Amino acid sequence: MSYRAHIYGLVGELDAAIAQLEILLSEPGYYTAAGMSLNPVWDPLRDHPGFQALLVKNEG
């Protein structure tokens, strides 16, 4: 699912990427909001309000 979100971000489908990340963060696992805020993979999404809201919602 993270690969799908990454690809969506690279091709400009930012809303679709955010939707995938919401699902990814809703389940316990490797990915965290703190990690995503630092990981350069998510740079295409950084300024998107949905990405910012996702980080705030999942701070922890």
C-alpha atoms as a PDB file:
ATOM      1  CA  MET A   1       0.000   0.000   0.000  1.00  0.00           C
ATOM      2  CA  SER A   2       2.881   2.382   0.672  1.00  0.00           C
ATOM      3  CA  TYR A   3       4.227   1.732  -2.836  1.00  0.00           C
ATOM      4  CA  ARG A   4       0.852   2.602  -4.298  1.00  0.00           C
ATOM      5  CA  ALA A   5       0.732   5.839  -2.289  1.00  0.00           C
ATOM      6  CA  HIS A   6       4.270   6.686  -3.380  1.00  0.00           C
ATOM      7  CA  ILE A   7       3.458   6.143  -7.048  1.00  0.00           C
ATOM      8  CA  TYR A   8       0.281   8.203  -6.776  1.00  0.00           C
ATOM      9  CA  GLY A   9       2.357  11.009  -5.300  1.00  0.00           C
ATOM     10  CA  LEU A  10       4.947  10.813  -8.060  1.00  0.00           C
ATOM     11  CA  VAL A  11       2.346  11.033 -10.831  1.00  0.00           C
ATOM     12  CA  GLY A  12       0.462  13.889  -9.183  1.00  0.00           C
ATOM     13  CA  GLU A  13      -2.549  11.953  -7.896  1.00  0.00           C
ATOM     14  CA  LEU A  14      -2.155  13.525  -4.470  1.00  0.00           C
ATOM     15  CA  ASP A  15      -5.672  12.881  -3.187  1.00  0.00           C
ATOM     16  CA  ALA A  16      -5.361   9.196  -4.069  1.00  0.00           C
ATOM     17  CA  ALA A  17      -1.984   9.065  -2.312  1.00  0.00           C
ATOM     18  CA  ILE A  18      -3.471  10.622   0.822  1.00  0.00           C
ATOM     19  CA  ALA A  19      -6.321   8.107   0.774  1.00  0.00           C
ATOM     20  CA  GLN A  20      -3.837   5.232   0.669  1.00  0.00           C
ATOM     21  CA  LEU A  21      -1.812   6.721   3.510  1.00  0.00           C
ATOM     22  CA  GLU A  22      -4.936   7.110   5.645  1.00  0.00           C
ATOM     23  CA  ILE A  23      -5.546   3.379   5.317  1.00  0.00           C
ATOM     24  CA  LEU A  24      -1.886   2.599   5.974  1.00  0.00           C
ATOM     25  CA  LEU A  25      -1.773   4.686   9.160  1.00  0.00           C
ATOM     26  CA  SER A  26      -5.067   3.299  10.445  1.00  0.00           C
ATOM     27  CA  GLU A  27      -3.458  -0.107  10.974  1.00  0.00           C
ATOM     28  CA  PRO A  28      -0.617  -0.969  13.345  1.00  0.00           C
ATOM     29  CA  GLY A  29       2.640  -1.398  11.523  1.00  0.00           C
ATOM     30  CA  TYR A  30       5.895   0.063  10.347  1.00  0.00           C
ATOM     31  CA  TYR A  31       4.609   3.450   9.140  1.00  0.00           C
ATOM     32  CA  THR A  32       4.041   6.344  11.522  1.00  0.00           C
ATOM     33  CA  ALA A  33       3.148   9.989  11.058  1.00  0.00           C
ATOM     34  CA  ALA A  34       6.491  10.985  12.597  1.00  0.00           C
ATOM     35  CA  GLY A  35       8.376   8.803  10.138  1.00  0.00           C
ATOM     36  CA  MET A  36       6.392  10.105   7.188  1.00  0.00           C
ATOM     37  CA  SER A  37       7.083  13.698   8.178  1.00  0.00           C
ATOM     38  CA  LEU A  38      10.826  13.030   7.840  1.00  0.00           C
ATOM     39  CA  ASN A  39      10.931  10.600   4.917  1.00  0.00           C
ATOM     40  CA  PRO A  40      11.844  12.270   1.574  1.00  0.00           C
ATOM     41  CA  VAL A  41       9.665   9.746  -0.272  1.00  0.00           C
ATOM     42  CA  TRP A  42       6.679  11.836   0.751  1.00  0.00           C
ATOM     43  CA  ASP A  43       8.111  15.175  -0.450  1.00  0.00           C
ATOM     44  CA  PRO A  44       5.574  15.462  -3.318  1.00  0.00           C
ATOM     45  CA  LEU A  45       2.811  15.472  -0.683  1.00  0.00           C
ATOM     46  CA  ARG A  46       4.410  17.798   1.895  1.00  0.00           C
ATOM     47  CA  ASP A  47       2.464  20.936   1.020  1.00  0.00           C
ATOM     48  CA  HIS A  48      -0.861  19.172   0.462  1.00  0.00           C
ATOM     49  CA  PRO A  49      -3.351  20.149   3.182  1.00  0.00           C
ATOM     50  CA  GLY A  50      -4.578  16.547   3.351  1.00  0.00           C
ATOM     51  CA  PHE A  51      -1.075  15.305   4.113  1.00  0.00           C
ATOM     52  CA  GLN A  52      -0.621  17.912   6.813  1.00  0.00           C
ATOM     53  CA  ALA A  53      -3.991  16.977   8.355  1.00  0.00           C
ATOM     54  CA  LEU A  54      -3.057  13.295   8.221  1.00  0.00           C
ATOM     55  CA  LEU A  55       0.159  13.974  10.130  1.00  0.00           C
ATOM     56  CA  VAL A  56      -1.623  16.001  12.783  1.00  0.00           C
ATOM     57  CA  LYS A  57      -4.398  13.424  13.137  1.00  0.00           C
ATOM     58  CA  ASN A  58      -1.904  10.587  13.623  1.00  0.00           C
ATOM     59  CA  GLU A  59       0.633  12.302  15.871  1.00  0.00           C
ATOM     60  CA  GLY A  60       1.280  10.298  18.763  1.00  0.00           C
END
